[in-house]
Amino acid sequence: PVEINIPRDRNGEFEPKIIPKHQRSVNGIEEKILGLYATGMTTRDISEQVKELYGVDVSAETVSNITNRILPLVAEWQSRPLEKTYSFVFMDAIHYKVREDKQVVIKAAYVVIGVNLDGEKEVLGIWIGANESSKFWLSVLNDLKNRGVQNVLIFCIDGLNGFKEAIGATFPFAKIQRCIIHQIRSSMKYIPYKDRKAFVADLKGVYTAVNEEIAMDNLLAMKDRWGNKYPNAIKSWEDNWDNLSTFFAFPGNIRKIIYTTNVIESLNSQFRKITKTKLIFPNDDSLMKMLYLAVERVARKWTRAYSDWDLVINQLNIIFSDILYEKRTSN
């Protein structure tokens, strides 16, 4: 329990608003402090809030010590056993400033969300690293395997460096879908404002095509129209086509799940919301604590499977029959 200091007035008559007089510890106040911390409040702001609400002094240092007590829970969560097979795994990164060796460095928090065979989402883990590389991603994927994951049907990613190679080494039978929305944004940096509307309209004919053949025809038509003017924009689609076009092999119900990483972007928007007051994190643990608490809050709302999941899983059972049959017979 938290030891608290009761403020005193000259006559010793001060009575806390909620905490009974003479009580030196408060059951549940740690949870309240953690709840405030999970909203993005600084330790100093939490200290002031607790004093205002409860009429007690809890220093910013004590608040920090309380939040440190969840680190063993974070470690346990990050190493918990996972399911053998995931239908979809979404991966993305969000960047933060963190102090390290008396310097401020940019670090990425790599977030991995899995959708199991019942259509239920869960955050499989968060990894904090300095840069993306196939070696880094190999360690992440091996971590998932060591925690029990044997099969992933489809990985949905945001153009992460080195990820394709790491998947090939760990989950060689998995399909890879690169996020279409991220690809559109990436190609837009080559297009001046005056041509963006027309360029995007042409792009829509590529990624909304009925099948890959029509999509490629439309991409070639785009190349004829825009290739000389904006070669890098077209080249970015051509270079990544193998992973951009994966979703054309699947029915509409699956396409709309995998062609964007919206599920993980929604979580990242919550991360941004709670970390906006933290310009610089003092260390990796401080960042990890806040992200973990945010995951705990968001995950409570993930109570439903994807809509039409019965139809989706039946389609996956047909498309990935070899992998899923092997899973059923091994259970």
Protein backbone atom coordinates (compact mmCIF):
# COMPACT_ATOMS: atom_id res chain seq x y z
CA PRO A 1 0.00 0.00 0.00
CA VAL A 2 0.94 3.64 -0.50
CA GLU A 3 2.17 5.50 2.56
CA ILE A 4 0.61 8.96 2.58
CA ASN A 5 1.28 12.19 4.40
CA ILE A 6 -1.83 13.85 5.81
CA PRO A 7 -1.57 17.65 5.69
CA ARG A 8 -2.14 19.34 9.05
CA ASP A 9 -3.55 22.72 9.87
CA ARG A 10 -2.55 24.68 13.01
CA ASN A 11 -5.23 23.07 15.19
CA GLY A 12 -4.84 19.57 13.74
CA GLU A 13 -8.41 19.74 12.51
CA PHE A 14 -7.86 19.09 8.80
CA GLU A 15 -10.01 16.22 7.55
CA PRO A 16 -9.23 14.71 4.13
CA LYS A 17 -12.10 14.76 1.66
CA ILE A 18 -12.10 10.99 1.18
CA ILE A 19 -9.36 9.45 3.32
CA PRO A 20 -10.35 9.03 6.99
CA LYS A 21 -8.23 10.88 9.53
CA HIS A 22 -5.22 8.93 10.93
CA GLN A 23 -5.31 6.41 8.07
CA ARG A 24 -1.77 6.01 6.77
CA SER A 25 -2.35 3.75 3.75
CA VAL A 26 -5.08 3.50 1.17
CA ASN A 27 -6.25 0.28 -0.46
CA GLY A 28 -6.91 0.92 -4.14
CA ILE A 29 -5.11 4.25 -4.41
CA GLU A 30 -2.33 2.57 -6.38
CA GLU A 31 -4.88 1.52 -8.98
CA LYS A 32 -6.18 5.08 -9.12
CA ILE A 33 -2.66 6.41 -9.64
CA LEU A 34 -2.02 3.83 -12.36
CA GLY A 35 -5.32 4.79 -13.97
CA LEU A 36 -4.28 8.44 -14.06
CA TYR A 37 -0.85 7.49 -15.41
CA ALA A 38 -2.54 5.47 -18.16
CA THR A 39 -4.34 8.60 -19.35
CA GLY A 40 -1.00 10.27 -20.04
CA MET A 41 -0.75 12.46 -16.95
CA THR A 42 2.75 13.28 -15.73
CA THR A 43 3.87 12.11 -12.29
CA ARG A 44 3.84 15.73 -11.11
CA ASP A 45 0.28 16.25 -12.35
CA ILE A 46 -0.82 13.02 -10.69
CA SER A 47 0.75 14.13 -7.41
CA GLU A 48 -1.23 17.38 -7.56
CA GLN A 49 -4.43 15.59 -8.56
CA VAL A 50 -4.19 13.13 -5.66
CA LYS A 51 -3.64 16.00 -3.24
CA GLU A 52 -6.64 17.86 -4.63
CA LEU A 53 -8.97 14.84 -4.61
CA TYR A 54 -7.83 13.08 -1.44
CA GLY A 55 -6.19 15.85 0.55
CA VAL A 56 -2.97 13.83 0.89
CA ASP A 57 0.61 14.30 -0.24
CA VAL A 58 2.03 11.71 -2.61
CA SER A 59 5.23 12.97 -4.17
CA ALA A 60 5.99 12.71 -7.88
CA GLU A 61 8.82 10.34 -6.96
CA THR A 62 6.39 8.09 -5.08
CA VAL A 63 4.05 8.13 -8.07
CA SER A 64 6.96 7.05 -10.26
CA ASN A 65 7.84 4.25 -7.82
CA ILE A 66 4.23 3.06 -7.85
CA THR A 67 4.17 2.90 -11.64
CA ASN A 68 7.46 0.96 -11.55
CA ARG A 69 5.68 -1.80 -9.65
CA ILE A 70 3.88 -2.83 -12.82
CA LEU A 71 7.15 -3.61 -14.62
CA PRO A 72 7.06 -7.29 -13.48
CA LEU A 73 3.50 -7.45 -14.87
CA VAL A 74 4.74 -5.98 -18.14
CA ALA A 75 7.51 -8.59 -18.33
CA GLU A 76 5.01 -11.37 -17.58
CA TRP A 77 2.60 -10.05 -20.22
CA GLN A 78 5.37 -9.73 -22.80
CA SER A 79 6.43 -13.35 -22.28
CA ARG A 80 3.00 -15.00 -21.85
CA PRO A 81 2.15 -18.07 -23.96
CA LEU A 82 0.35 -17.36 -27.23
CA GLU A 83 -1.96 -19.40 -29.44
CA LYS A 84 -0.58 -21.80 -32.03
CA THR A 85 -2.21 -20.18 -35.06
CA TYR A 86 -3.25 -16.63 -35.90
CA SER A 87 -5.36 -15.76 -38.92
CA PHE A 88 -3.89 -12.28 -39.27
CA VAL A 89 -0.99 -10.48 -37.64
CA PHE A 90 -0.72 -6.70 -37.98
CA MET A 91 2.59 -4.95 -37.39
CA ASP A 92 3.42 -1.25 -37.23
CA ALA A 93 5.74 1.20 -35.49
CA ILE A 94 5.31 4.50 -33.67
CA HIS A 95 8.27 6.70 -32.75
CA TYR A 96 9.18 8.45 -29.50
CA LYS A 97 12.03 10.48 -28.05
CA VAL A 98 13.83 8.64 -25.25
CA ARG A 99 16.87 9.55 -23.15
CA GLU A 100 19.75 7.12 -23.48
CA ASP A 101 23.37 7.58 -22.37
CA LYS A 102 22.76 11.28 -21.64
CA GLN A 103 21.41 11.83 -25.14
CA VAL A 104 17.93 12.04 -26.64
CA VAL A 105 17.40 9.40 -29.32
CA ILE A 106 14.46 8.46 -31.52
CA LYS A 107 13.16 5.00 -30.72
CA ALA A 108 10.36 3.01 -32.26
CA ALA A 109 7.76 1.04 -30.37
CA TYR A 110 6.89 -1.88 -32.62
CA VAL A 111 3.36 -3.08 -31.95
CA VAL A 112 2.06 -6.51 -32.98
CA ILE A 113 -1.65 -7.37 -32.98
CA GLY A 114 -2.90 -10.88 -33.68
CA VAL A 115 -6.36 -12.07 -34.73
CA ASN A 116 -6.95 -15.66 -33.66
CA LEU A 117 -9.07 -18.31 -35.36
CA ASP A 118 -12.13 -17.10 -33.44
CA GLY A 119 -11.76 -13.59 -34.89
CA GLU A 120 -10.63 -12.09 -31.57
CA LYS A 121 -7.92 -9.42 -31.42
CA GLU A 122 -5.10 -9.19 -28.91
CA VAL A 123 -1.84 -7.29 -28.66
CA LEU A 124 0.84 -9.97 -28.83
CA GLY A 125 3.61 -7.67 -27.68
CA ILE A 126 5.46 -4.37 -27.89
CA TRP A 127 9.15 -4.17 -28.72
CA ILE A 128 11.19 -1.00 -28.31
CA GLY A 129 14.15 -0.66 -30.65
CA ALA A 130 16.41 1.94 -32.23
CA ASN A 131 15.95 0.93 -35.86
CA GLU A 132 14.33 -1.52 -38.21
CA SER A 133 16.36 -4.33 -39.73
CA SER A 134 15.86 -7.94 -40.74
CA LYS A 135 17.94 -8.94 -37.69
CA PHE A 136 15.65 -6.99 -35.36
CA TRP A 137 12.48 -8.41 -36.91
CA LEU A 138 13.94 -11.89 -36.80
CA SER A 139 14.30 -11.54 -33.03
CA VAL A 140 10.67 -10.36 -32.73
CA LEU A 141 9.31 -13.23 -34.81
CA ASN A 142 11.46 -15.77 -33.00
CA ASP A 143 10.05 -14.40 -29.74
CA LEU A 144 6.54 -15.11 -31.03
CA LYS A 145 7.59 -18.64 -32.00
CA ASN A 146 9.21 -19.25 -28.63
CA ARG A 147 5.92 -18.25 -27.01
CA GLY A 148 4.03 -20.90 -28.95
CA VAL A 149 3.06 -19.40 -32.31
CA GLN A 150 3.47 -22.02 -35.04
CA ASN A 151 1.50 -20.53 -37.92
CA VAL A 152 0.46 -17.11 -39.17
CA LEU A 153 -1.75 -17.11 -42.26
CA ILE A 154 -1.35 -13.47 -43.32
CA PHE A 155 0.96 -10.72 -42.08
CA CYS A 156 -0.29 -7.16 -42.64
CA ILE A 157 2.53 -4.64 -42.49
CA ASP A 158 3.43 -1.02 -43.15
CA GLY A 159 6.49 -1.28 -45.39
CA LEU A 160 8.75 -2.16 -42.48
CA ASN A 161 12.40 -2.55 -43.42
CA GLY A 162 13.74 -6.09 -43.27
CA PHE A 163 10.40 -7.63 -42.39
CA LYS A 164 9.88 -9.64 -45.57
CA GLU A 165 13.21 -11.40 -45.11
CA ALA A 166 12.51 -12.13 -41.45
CA ILE A 167 9.12 -13.66 -42.28
CA GLY A 168 10.70 -15.90 -44.90
CA ALA A 169 13.09 -17.24 -42.28
CA THR A 170 10.48 -17.88 -39.57
CA PHE A 171 7.02 -18.29 -41.14
CA PRO A 172 7.82 -19.29 -44.74
CA PHE A 173 4.23 -20.27 -45.61
CA ALA A 174 2.68 -16.98 -44.49
CA LYS A 175 1.30 -14.45 -46.96
CA ILE A 176 2.37 -10.81 -46.69
CA GLN A 177 0.07 -7.86 -47.40
CA ARG A 178 1.54 -4.38 -47.41
CA CYS A 179 -0.85 -1.65 -46.23
CA ILE A 180 -2.44 0.05 -49.24
CA ILE A 181 -3.24 3.25 -47.35
CA HIS A 182 0.38 3.66 -46.25
CA GLN A 183 1.52 3.02 -49.81
CA ILE A 184 -0.82 5.73 -51.13
CA ARG A 185 0.51 8.20 -48.56
CA SER A 186 4.08 7.25 -49.39
CA SER A 187 3.60 7.80 -53.12
CA MET A 188 1.86 11.14 -52.53
CA LYS A 189 5.10 12.72 -51.33
CA TYR A 190 6.26 12.65 -54.97
CA ILE A 191 3.12 14.35 -56.31
CA PRO A 192 2.59 18.15 -56.15
CA TYR A 193 -0.74 19.36 -54.85
CA LYS A 194 -2.09 20.37 -58.29
CA ASP A 195 -1.99 16.76 -59.58
CA ARG A 196 -2.88 14.85 -56.44
CA LYS A 197 -6.63 14.62 -57.03
CA ALA A 198 -6.22 13.18 -60.53
CA PHE A 199 -3.39 10.86 -59.46
CA VAL A 200 -5.39 9.46 -56.52
CA ALA A 201 -8.40 8.92 -58.77
CA ASP A 202 -6.25 6.82 -61.10
CA LEU A 203 -4.77 4.93 -58.15
CA LYS A 204 -8.25 3.99 -56.98
CA GLY A 205 -8.66 2.04 -60.20
CA VAL A 206 -5.63 -0.01 -59.18
CA TYR A 207 -6.41 -1.01 -55.60
CA THR A 208 -10.20 -1.37 -56.05
CA ALA A 209 -9.88 -3.55 -59.15
CA VAL A 210 -11.83 -6.81 -59.25
CA ASN A 211 -8.67 -8.87 -59.70
CA GLU A 212 -4.91 -8.52 -59.99
CA GLU A 213 -4.90 -8.67 -63.80
CA ILE A 214 -7.16 -5.63 -64.09
CA ALA A 215 -5.21 -3.89 -61.32
CA MET A 216 -1.94 -4.37 -63.23
CA ASP A 217 -3.52 -3.11 -66.46
CA ASN A 218 -4.64 0.02 -64.61
CA LEU A 219 -1.19 0.46 -63.07
CA LEU A 220 0.39 0.24 -66.55
CA ALA A 221 -2.10 2.85 -67.77
CA MET A 222 -1.02 5.06 -64.88
CA LYS A 223 2.59 4.57 -65.87
CA ASP A 224 1.79 5.74 -69.40
CA ARG A 225 0.05 8.84 -68.06
CA TRP A 226 2.25 9.76 -65.09
CA GLY A 227 5.46 7.74 -65.43
CA ASN A 228 7.56 10.39 -67.18
CA LYS A 229 6.34 13.14 -64.87
CA TYR A 230 6.50 11.27 -61.54
CA PRO A 231 8.63 8.14 -62.07
CA ASN A 232 9.37 7.58 -58.37
CA ALA A 233 5.68 7.45 -57.46
CA ILE A 234 4.99 4.75 -60.05
CA LYS A 235 8.19 2.89 -59.24
CA SER A 236 7.21 2.60 -55.56
CA TRP A 237 4.10 0.64 -56.61
CA GLU A 238 6.01 -1.53 -59.08
CA ASP A 239 8.80 -2.34 -56.63
CA ASN A 240 6.37 -3.39 -53.88
CA TRP A 241 3.74 -5.00 -56.10
CA ASP A 242 4.30 -8.56 -54.87
CA ASN A 243 3.23 -7.58 -51.35
CA LEU A 244 0.72 -4.90 -52.36
CA SER A 245 -1.27 -7.29 -54.56
CA THR A 246 -1.61 -10.20 -52.11
CA PHE A 247 -5.19 -9.31 -51.16
CA PHE A 248 -6.46 -9.81 -54.74
CA ALA A 249 -6.21 -13.58 -54.16
CA PHE A 250 -8.84 -13.40 -51.40
CA PRO A 251 -12.62 -12.82 -51.25
CA GLY A 252 -14.03 -9.41 -50.31
CA ASN A 253 -14.59 -10.28 -46.63
CA ILE A 254 -10.90 -11.00 -46.17
CA ARG A 255 -9.72 -8.18 -48.44
CA LYS A 256 -11.31 -5.50 -46.31
CA ILE A 257 -9.58 -6.87 -43.20
CA ILE A 258 -6.07 -7.12 -44.60
CA TYR A 259 -5.53 -4.36 -47.14
CA THR A 260 -5.02 -1.72 -44.46
CA THR A 261 -3.49 -1.75 -40.98
CA ASN A 262 -6.40 0.28 -39.56
CA VAL A 263 -6.73 -2.03 -36.56
CA ILE A 264 -3.24 -1.15 -35.39
CA GLU A 265 -3.47 2.51 -36.42
CA SER A 266 -6.48 2.81 -34.13
CA LEU A 267 -4.35 1.57 -31.24
CA ASN A 268 -1.50 3.88 -32.23
CA SER A 269 -3.89 6.84 -32.14
CA GLN A 270 -4.63 5.95 -28.51
CA PHE A 271 -0.89 5.80 -27.83
CA ARG A 272 -0.47 9.28 -29.33
CA LYS A 273 -3.33 10.58 -27.25
CA ILE A 274 -1.84 9.47 -23.94
CA THR A 275 1.79 10.28 -24.77
CA LYS A 276 1.27 13.77 -26.19
CA THR A 277 2.24 15.38 -22.85
CA LYS A 278 5.51 13.41 -22.78
CA LEU A 279 7.94 15.18 -25.08
CA ILE A 280 10.81 12.97 -23.93
CA PHE A 281 10.70 9.70 -21.98
CA PRO A 282 13.46 9.28 -19.37
CA ASN A 283 14.08 5.65 -20.36
CA ASP A 284 12.62 2.64 -22.20
CA ASP A 285 10.82 1.40 -19.08
CA SER A 286 8.94 4.67 -18.74
CA LEU A 287 7.70 4.40 -22.32
CA MET A 288 6.84 0.73 -21.96
CA LYS A 289 4.82 1.31 -18.77
CA MET A 290 2.62 3.89 -20.44
CA LEU A 291 2.06 1.84 -23.59
CA TYR A 292 1.25 -1.29 -21.57
CA LEU A 293 -1.36 0.54 -19.50
CA ALA A 294 -2.86 1.96 -22.68
CA VAL A 295 -3.09 -1.54 -24.15
CA GLU A 296 -4.84 -2.74 -21.00
CA ARG A 297 -7.47 -0.01 -21.37
CA VAL A 298 -8.03 -0.51 -25.09
CA ALA A 299 -8.12 -4.33 -24.89
CA ARG A 300 -11.07 -4.19 -22.48
CA LYS A 301 -13.16 -2.91 -25.39
CA TRP A 302 -12.11 -5.71 -27.72
CA THR A 303 -14.93 -8.02 -26.74
CA ARG A 304 -16.33 -8.90 -30.16
CA ALA A 305 -14.99 -10.90 -33.06
CA TYR A 306 -14.92 -9.40 -36.54
CA SER A 307 -18.32 -9.15 -38.20
CA ASP A 308 -19.20 -12.06 -40.51
CA TRP A 309 -16.38 -14.04 -38.94
CA ASP A 310 -18.07 -17.38 -39.62
CA LEU A 311 -17.87 -16.61 -43.32
CA VAL A 312 -14.25 -15.39 -43.05
CA ILE A 313 -13.01 -18.47 -41.18
CA ASN A 314 -14.79 -20.80 -43.62
CA GLN A 315 -12.99 -19.07 -46.48
CA LEU A 316 -9.66 -19.27 -44.64
CA ASN A 317 -10.25 -22.97 -43.97
CA ILE A 318 -10.50 -23.56 -47.71
CA ILE A 319 -7.62 -21.30 -48.78
CA PHE A 320 -5.23 -22.46 -46.05
CA SER A 321 -6.58 -26.00 -45.76
CA ASP A 322 -3.14 -27.64 -45.47
CA ILE A 323 -1.98 -25.43 -42.60
CA LEU A 324 -5.28 -25.46 -40.71
CA TYR A 325 -5.82 -29.20 -41.25
CA GLU A 326 -2.37 -29.85 -39.79
CA LYS A 327 -3.27 -27.64 -36.80
CA ARG A 328 -6.55 -29.50 -36.19
CA THR A 329 -4.94 -32.92 -36.36
CA SER A 330 -2.08 -31.89 -34.05
CA ASN A 331 -4.42 -30.65 -31.29
